[in-house]
Protein backbone atom coordinates (compact mmCIF):
# COMPACT_ATOMS: atom_id res chain seq x y z
CA MET A 1 0.00 0.00 0.00
CA LYS A 2 1.39 3.38 -1.05
CA TRP A 3 0.88 6.69 0.74
CA LYS A 4 -1.04 8.20 -2.16
CA HIS A 5 -3.39 5.21 -2.22
CA TYR A 6 -4.00 5.62 1.49
CA LEU A 7 -4.83 9.32 1.05
CA VAL A 8 -7.21 8.53 -1.80
CA ASP A 9 -9.00 5.94 0.34
CA HIS A 10 -9.34 8.51 3.17
CA ARG A 11 -10.23 11.51 1.04
CA PHE A 12 -13.60 11.86 2.72
CA LEU A 13 -11.93 12.04 6.15
CA LEU A 14 -9.52 14.68 4.84
CA PHE A 15 -12.40 16.69 3.46
CA ILE A 16 -14.29 16.57 6.78
CA PHE A 17 -11.18 17.58 8.74
CA SER A 18 -10.50 20.49 6.39
CA LEU A 19 -14.14 21.57 6.68
CA VAL A 20 -13.99 21.45 10.49
CA LEU A 21 -10.79 23.56 10.54
CA GLY A 22 -12.35 26.10 8.20
CA LEU A 23 -15.56 26.36 10.24
CA THR A 24 -13.57 26.64 13.46
CA ALA A 25 -11.49 29.51 12.06
CA ILE A 26 -14.60 31.33 10.78
CA ILE A 27 -16.42 30.98 14.12
CA ILE A 28 -13.39 32.29 16.07
CA LEU A 29 -12.93 35.24 13.74
CA LEU A 30 -16.61 36.21 13.74
CA ASP A 31 -17.17 35.83 17.51
CA PRO A 32 -17.04 39.39 19.01
CA ASN A 33 -16.24 38.04 22.47
CA LEU A 34 -13.04 36.40 21.26
CA HIS A 35 -10.05 38.58 20.60
CA ILE A 36 -7.39 36.40 19.03
CA HIS A 37 -4.67 37.51 16.70
CA ILE A 38 -4.67 36.01 13.25
CA SER A 39 -1.15 34.63 13.74
CA ASN A 40 -2.24 32.79 16.88
CA LEU A 41 -5.22 31.36 15.03
CA LEU A 42 -2.99 30.12 12.23
CA TYR A 43 -0.63 28.64 14.80
CA LEU A 44 -3.55 26.79 16.45
CA LEU A 45 -4.77 25.48 13.12
CA LEU A 46 -1.25 24.38 12.22
CA ILE A 47 -0.90 22.41 15.48
CA LEU A 48 -4.25 20.69 14.85
CA ALA A 49 -3.21 19.87 11.29
CA LEU A 50 0.13 18.43 12.49
CA LEU A 51 -1.64 16.27 15.09
CA PHE A 52 -3.99 15.02 12.41
CA LEU A 53 -1.07 14.25 10.08
CA ILE A 54 0.68 12.34 12.89
CA TYR A 55 -2.50 10.28 13.34
CA LEU A 56 -2.67 9.63 9.60
CA GLN A 57 0.98 8.59 9.52
CA PHE A 58 0.48 6.18 12.42
CA ASP A 59 -2.70 4.73 10.91
CA TYR A 60 -1.02 4.40 7.51
CA ARG A 61 1.92 2.42 8.95
CA ARG A 62 -0.41 0.14 10.88
CA LYS A 63 -2.58 -0.58 7.84
CA LYS A 64 0.49 -0.99 5.64
CA ASP A 65 1.84 -3.67 8.00
CA SER A 66 -1.56 -5.41 8.07
CA TYR A 67 -1.77 -5.26 4.28
CA ARG A 68 1.73 -6.74 3.94
CA GLU A 69 0.78 -9.51 6.38
CA PHE A 70 -2.38 -10.30 4.42
CA LYS A 71 -0.48 -10.36 1.14
CA GLU A 72 2.30 -12.63 2.40
CA LYS A 73 -0.11 -15.07 3.99
CA THR A 74 -2.45 -15.28 1.01
CA GLU A 75 0.44 -15.71 -1.45
CA THR A 76 1.77 -18.67 0.54
CA GLY A 77 -1.72 -20.18 0.77
CA TYR A 78 -1.91 -19.70 4.53
CA LEU A 79 -5.30 -18.65 5.85
CA LEU A 80 -5.24 -15.96 8.54
CA GLU A 81 -7.23 -16.38 11.71
CA PRO A 82 -8.66 -13.36 13.59
CA SER A 83 -6.78 -12.55 16.81
CA HIS A 84 -6.89 -9.96 19.60
CA THR A 85 -4.24 -7.90 17.77
CA HIS A 86 -6.58 -7.34 14.85
CA ARG A 87 -9.14 -4.55 14.80
CA ASN A 88 -12.79 -5.24 14.01
CA GLU A 89 -12.31 -4.06 10.43
CA GLU A 90 -9.35 -6.41 9.95
CA LYS A 91 -11.24 -9.30 11.55
CA LEU A 92 -14.10 -8.73 9.12
CA THR A 93 -11.65 -8.66 6.20
CA ILE A 94 -10.10 -11.94 7.36
CA GLN A 95 -13.53 -13.56 7.64
CA LEU A 96 -14.44 -12.40 4.14
CA LEU A 97 -11.16 -13.77 2.78
CA LYS A 98 -11.85 -17.06 4.51
CA ILE A 99 -15.34 -17.27 2.99
CA GLN A 100 -13.97 -16.42 -0.46
CA LYS A 101 -11.27 -19.07 -0.12
CA GLU A 102 -13.86 -21.71 0.84
CA GLN A 103 -16.08 -20.74 -2.10
CA TYR A 104 -13.09 -20.89 -4.45
CA GLU A 105 -12.08 -24.32 -3.17
CA GLN A 106 -15.66 -25.58 -3.57
CA LYS A 107 -15.72 -24.30 -7.14
CA ILE A 108 -12.41 -26.01 -7.90
CA GLU A 109 -13.68 -29.29 -6.44
CA ARG A 110 -16.89 -29.04 -8.46
CA LEU A 111 -14.93 -28.42 -11.66
CA LYS A 112 -12.64 -31.36 -10.90
CA HIS A 113 -15.66 -33.56 -10.24
CA GLU A 114 -17.33 -32.49 -13.49
CA GLN A 115 -14.09 -33.07 -15.41
CA LYS A 116 -13.76 -36.54 -13.91
CA GLU A 117 -17.36 -37.38 -14.77
CA TRP A 118 -16.88 -36.12 -18.31
CA HIS A 119 -13.73 -38.22 -18.73
CA GLU A 120 -15.43 -41.35 -17.37
CA TYR A 121 -18.47 -40.81 -19.56
CA MET A 122 -16.43 -40.22 -22.71
CA THR A 123 -14.36 -43.34 -22.03
CA SER A 124 -17.54 -45.42 -21.70
CA TRP A 125 -19.14 -43.66 -24.70
CA VAL A 126 -16.15 -44.38 -26.94
CA HIS A 127 -16.22 -48.07 -26.02
CA GLU A 128 -19.96 -48.24 -26.73
CA ILE A 129 -19.82 -46.48 -30.09
CA LYS A 130 -16.96 -48.70 -31.29
CA THR A 131 -19.37 -51.65 -31.62
CA PRO A 132 -21.76 -50.17 -34.23
CA ILE A 133 -18.80 -48.65 -36.06
CA ALA A 134 -17.08 -52.05 -36.27
CA VAL A 135 -20.32 -53.74 -37.37
CA SER A 136 -20.92 -51.05 -39.99
CA LYS A 137 -17.40 -51.56 -41.35
CA MET A 138 -17.94 -55.32 -41.55
CA ILE A 139 -21.29 -54.91 -43.33
CA PHE A 140 -19.73 -52.48 -45.80
CA GLU A 141 -16.77 -54.76 -46.53
CA THR A 142 -18.90 -57.90 -46.96
CA GLU A 143 -21.64 -56.04 -48.88
CA GLN A 144 -24.38 -57.46 -46.71
CA ASN A 145 -27.93 -56.13 -46.32
CA PRO A 146 -27.80 -52.31 -46.53
CA GLU A 147 -30.73 -52.13 -44.11
CA SER A 148 -28.51 -53.58 -41.41
CA LEU A 149 -25.97 -50.87 -42.16
CA GLU A 150 -28.65 -48.23 -41.80
CA GLU A 151 -29.65 -49.74 -38.46
CA GLU A 152 -26.08 -49.48 -37.17
CA MET A 153 -25.86 -45.91 -38.41
CA GLY A 154 -29.01 -45.20 -36.44
CA LYS A 155 -27.31 -46.50 -33.30
CA ILE A 156 -24.34 -44.25 -33.96
CA GLU A 157 -26.63 -41.27 -34.47
CA HIS A 158 -28.39 -42.03 -31.19
CA LEU A 159 -25.09 -42.15 -29.31
CA VAL A 160 -23.99 -38.86 -30.90
CA ASP A 161 -27.29 -37.25 -29.84
CA GLN A 162 -26.68 -38.54 -26.34
CA VAL A 163 -23.26 -36.92 -26.02
CA LEU A 164 -24.62 -33.67 -27.48
CA SER A 165 -27.40 -33.71 -24.89
CA TYR A 166 -24.77 -34.18 -22.20
CA THR A 167 -23.04 -30.97 -23.27
CA ARG A 168 -26.35 -29.10 -23.70
CA ALA A 169 -27.51 -30.07 -20.23
CA SER A 170 -24.66 -28.07 -18.67
CA ASP A 171 -25.94 -24.77 -20.09
CA PHE A 172 -29.69 -24.65 -20.40
CA SER A 173 -30.19 -21.02 -21.44
CA LYS A 174 -27.94 -21.05 -24.53
CA ASP A 175 -29.33 -24.01 -26.46
CA TYR A 176 -32.97 -24.48 -25.47
CA PHE A 177 -35.92 -22.81 -27.14
CA ILE A 178 -39.20 -23.22 -25.26
CA GLN A 179 -42.31 -23.00 -27.41
CA GLU A 180 -45.77 -24.53 -27.77
CA MET A 181 -45.50 -27.87 -29.56
CA ASN A 182 -47.87 -30.66 -30.60
CA ALA A 183 -46.85 -33.72 -28.58
CA GLU A 184 -48.54 -36.04 -31.10
CA GLN A 185 -46.30 -34.83 -33.93
CA LEU A 186 -43.17 -35.20 -31.80
CA VAL A 187 -44.11 -38.78 -30.88
CA LYS A 188 -44.58 -39.64 -34.55
CA GLU A 189 -41.22 -38.06 -35.35
CA ALA A 190 -39.53 -40.14 -32.65
CA VAL A 191 -41.17 -43.33 -33.94
CA LYS A 192 -40.05 -42.52 -37.48
CA ALA A 193 -36.46 -42.05 -36.28
CA ASN A 194 -36.51 -45.55 -34.74
CA ARG A 195 -38.46 -47.30 -37.51
CA LYS A 196 -35.49 -49.41 -38.65
CA LEU A 197 -35.16 -50.99 -35.22
CA PHE A 198 -38.88 -51.72 -35.14
CA LEU A 199 -38.64 -53.43 -38.53
CA SER A 200 -35.41 -55.31 -37.89
CA LYS A 201 -36.69 -56.82 -34.64
CA LYS A 202 -40.25 -57.19 -36.02
CA ILE A 203 -41.66 -55.41 -32.99
CA LYS A 204 -45.31 -54.44 -33.17
CA LEU A 205 -46.19 -50.83 -32.46
CA HIS A 206 -49.52 -49.75 -31.04
CA LEU A 207 -50.30 -46.02 -31.11
CA ASP A 208 -53.10 -44.35 -29.17
CA LEU A 209 -52.41 -40.69 -29.87
CA THR A 210 -54.37 -37.49 -29.55
CA THR A 211 -53.54 -33.83 -29.98
CA MET A 212 -51.88 -32.28 -26.92
CA GLU A 213 -50.15 -28.91 -26.92
CA VAL A 214 -47.20 -28.65 -24.56
CA LEU A 215 -44.57 -26.04 -23.71
CA THR A 216 -41.23 -27.68 -24.42
CA ASP A 217 -38.02 -27.62 -26.42
CA LYS A 218 -38.27 -29.79 -29.51
CA LYS A 219 -34.75 -31.21 -29.39
CA GLY A 220 -34.99 -31.82 -25.65
CA LEU A 221 -38.30 -33.67 -25.78
CA LEU A 222 -37.24 -35.69 -28.82
CA PHE A 223 -34.13 -36.77 -26.97
CA ILE A 224 -36.27 -38.00 -24.03
CA LEU A 225 -38.68 -39.84 -26.35
CA ASN A 226 -35.83 -41.41 -28.32
CA GLN A 227 -34.11 -42.50 -25.11
CA PHE A 228 -37.23 -44.26 -23.83
CA LEU A 229 -37.91 -45.84 -27.23
CA SER A 230 -34.29 -46.92 -27.58
CA ASN A 231 -34.39 -48.65 -24.20
CA SER A 232 -37.70 -50.34 -25.02
CA LEU A 233 -36.37 -51.58 -28.35
CA LYS A 234 -33.11 -52.74 -26.77
CA TYR A 235 -34.73 -54.80 -24.01
CA THR A 236 -37.78 -56.06 -25.90
CA PRO A 237 -37.26 -59.42 -27.65
CA ALA A 238 -37.88 -59.85 -31.37
CA GLY A 239 -41.57 -60.12 -32.19
CA GLY A 240 -42.55 -58.21 -29.05
CA LYS A 241 -44.83 -55.22 -28.66
CA ILE A 242 -44.45 -51.56 -27.73
CA SER A 243 -47.35 -49.17 -27.19
CA ILE A 244 -47.34 -45.37 -27.03
CA GLN A 245 -50.28 -43.48 -25.61
CA ILE A 246 -51.05 -39.79 -25.10
CA LYS A 247 -53.46 -38.97 -22.27
CA ALA A 248 -54.31 -35.33 -22.86
CA ASN A 249 -56.56 -35.11 -19.79
CA GLU A 250 -53.66 -36.24 -17.58
CA ARG A 251 -51.05 -34.30 -19.59
CA LYS A 252 -48.72 -37.23 -20.12
CA ILE A 253 -47.14 -39.56 -22.69
CA ILE A 254 -46.83 -43.26 -21.85
CA ILE A 255 -44.36 -45.64 -23.53
CA ARG A 256 -44.92 -49.25 -22.54
CA ASP A 257 -43.06 -52.33 -23.68
CA HIS A 258 -43.58 -55.99 -22.88
CA GLY A 259 -39.93 -56.90 -22.60
CA MET A 260 -37.78 -58.31 -19.82
CA GLY A 261 -38.64 -55.58 -17.32
CA ILE A 262 -36.38 -54.15 -14.63
CA PRO A 263 -35.41 -55.96 -11.41
CA VAL A 264 -36.96 -54.48 -8.27
CA GLU A 265 -33.56 -53.71 -6.74
CA ASP A 266 -32.57 -51.63 -9.79
CA LEU A 267 -35.68 -49.42 -10.00
CA PRO A 268 -34.72 -46.86 -7.29
CA ARG A 269 -31.40 -46.16 -9.06
CA ILE A 270 -32.54 -46.26 -12.67
CA PHE A 271 -32.12 -42.47 -13.20
CA GLN A 272 -28.76 -42.23 -11.43
CA LYS A 273 -25.69 -41.17 -13.36
CA GLY A 274 -23.66 -44.09 -14.69
CA PHE A 275 -26.04 -46.76 -13.38
CA THR A 276 -26.40 -49.63 -15.88
CA GLY A 277 -28.18 -52.25 -13.78
CA ILE A 278 -28.28 -55.97 -14.35
CA ASN A 279 -29.87 -55.66 -17.79
CA GLY A 280 -27.34 -53.09 -18.96
CA ARG A 281 -24.45 -55.33 -18.00
CA GLN A 282 -25.84 -58.64 -19.27
CA VAL A 283 -27.91 -57.81 -22.35
CA ALA A 284 -26.17 -54.87 -23.99
CA ALA A 285 -23.25 -52.53 -23.43
CA SER A 286 -24.45 -49.33 -21.78
CA THR A 287 -22.93 -46.08 -20.52
CA GLY A 288 -25.65 -45.72 -17.90
CA MET A 289 -26.12 -42.09 -18.97
CA GLY A 290 -29.21 -42.20 -21.18
CA LEU A 291 -31.91 -42.12 -18.50
CA TYR A 292 -29.84 -39.78 -16.34
CA LEU A 293 -29.61 -37.26 -19.20
CA ALA A 294 -33.30 -37.71 -19.96
CA LYS A 295 -34.16 -36.94 -16.33
CA LYS A 296 -31.86 -33.92 -16.27
CA THR A 297 -33.23 -32.59 -19.57
CA ALA A 298 -36.82 -33.08 -18.38
CA ALA A 299 -36.11 -31.17 -15.17
CA LYS A 300 -34.76 -28.21 -17.14
CA LEU A 301 -37.83 -28.25 -19.38
CA GLY A 302 -40.23 -28.46 -16.44
CA HIS A 303 -41.36 -32.02 -17.23
CA LEU A 304 -41.54 -34.99 -14.87
CA LEU A 305 -40.42 -38.53 -15.68
CA SER A 306 -41.50 -41.73 -13.99
CA LEU A 307 -40.73 -45.37 -14.68
CA HIS A 308 -42.61 -48.46 -13.49
CA SER A 309 -41.67 -52.01 -14.27
CA LYS A 310 -42.23 -55.63 -13.40
CA GLU A 311 -39.39 -58.02 -14.10
CA GLY A 312 -40.21 -60.43 -16.90
CA SER A 313 -43.43 -58.61 -17.75
CA TYR A 314 -43.30 -54.94 -18.77
CA THR A 315 -41.69 -51.52 -18.41
CA GLU A 316 -43.75 -48.33 -18.53
CA ALA A 317 -42.14 -44.88 -18.89
CA SER A 318 -44.23 -41.72 -18.52
CA ILE A 319 -43.55 -38.07 -19.34
CA TYR A 320 -45.71 -35.59 -17.43
CA PHE A 321 -46.23 -32.05 -18.70
CA SER A 322 -47.23 -28.88 -16.93
CA LYS A 323 -50.81 -27.66 -17.27
CA THR A 324 -49.57 -24.12 -17.99
CA VAL A 325 -50.63 -24.26 -21.64
CA ASP A 326 -54.20 -25.21 -20.75
CA LEU A 327 -54.39 -22.54 -18.06
CA LEU A 328 -53.13 -19.84 -20.43
CA ARG A 329 -55.57 -20.96 -23.11
CA GLU A 330 -58.48 -20.82 -20.64
CA GLU A 331 -57.47 -17.34 -19.47
CA TYR A 332 -57.17 -16.13 -23.06
CA THR A 333 -60.58 -17.56 -23.97
CA THR A 334 -62.16 -15.96 -20.92
CA PHE A 335 -60.56 -12.60 -21.73
CA THR A 336 -61.65 -12.59 -25.39
CA ASN A 337 -65.23 -13.56 -24.50
CA LYS A 338 -65.68 -10.58 -22.17
C-alpha cells in the first residue's frame, strides 16, 4: 500500500477535517467576544493539522503492516485467523477472505468432479460407439444387407445425440428454445427415427395418440422420447410389442413395452448417473447415462419422468407435462369472450 493510495481511500476524512478547521477559524474570527490575533489562530490550526497528520501517519503504517501480512499469507496459501491484535475491520476482512477461499475451493472441487465425470463418460461412450462402427465396417466390406448398415448408423446417431445432450444439459439457457409444440407430432417423429429398429426386430407398435399442446423444447423432448424408445427396443425381444399413448386429460405420454422388465432392486437407481443395472451389463453394453440425461433434460424443461416395471413382464415410462398451456388458453378464452 502506497501513501497516495492511502490518502485517496481517506479523502472523505480529509475533506471533513478540512471543513472542520475552516468552520472553526470562521467561528473564532466572527465571535465578538473572542479577541485572538490572526497569527495565533494560524498557529492553532497548524498544530491541529500536524496532530492530524501524525495520526494519519500512524494509521497508515499500521494498515500498511496489516496489508503486507495479508499479502504474504495469502500468497503462501496460509489462511489468517482473527486474533486480539486485529481490529474489528481487519477481523471482518479476514472472515471475508476465509469465505472467499472456501467458495473458491468448492468451485475447484466441483470443476474437478465435473471433469472426472466427463472423462469417465467419454471413455464409456467411446467403447460403446466402437461396436456399431465395427459392425458397420464389416457390413460395408462384406456387402451385406444395406438395411442392417442403416440400423447401425441409427445406433451411432443415437449415441452422438446422447453426447450432445450431455453438453447441452450443462448450459440450459444457450441451447434451449421453449415453445408450444404438438406432442402427437413429436411422438410420430420419434417413432419414425426408430423405424429401422422396429422393422429389424419385427416389434409391433400400437399407437393411441391425440392432440396435446405442450410447452417444451423440440430437441430436448425428442431426446427424451428417443431414449425411452431406444431402451424399449433394446430390451424387448424380437416379435414383441411396444405401445405409445397420449393422455391429454392427464397431460402425459406413456411408452410401454412388454420386454424383460427391470429388477426391483434396480428401479430406485434407474435415473442415477452411470447406473447400468443388471440388464445393462448382461444384455447390452451401456454407458448408464441415457436415462440420467433424460431426467436432467426433463427437469430443465419443467417435465416430470417416472418409470414403473415388473421383471419379466413390462416396463412403462411416462412423461408428465405442466398444465400451464391449458391454463393460459383458458385465461385467453375468458378474456376474449368478455
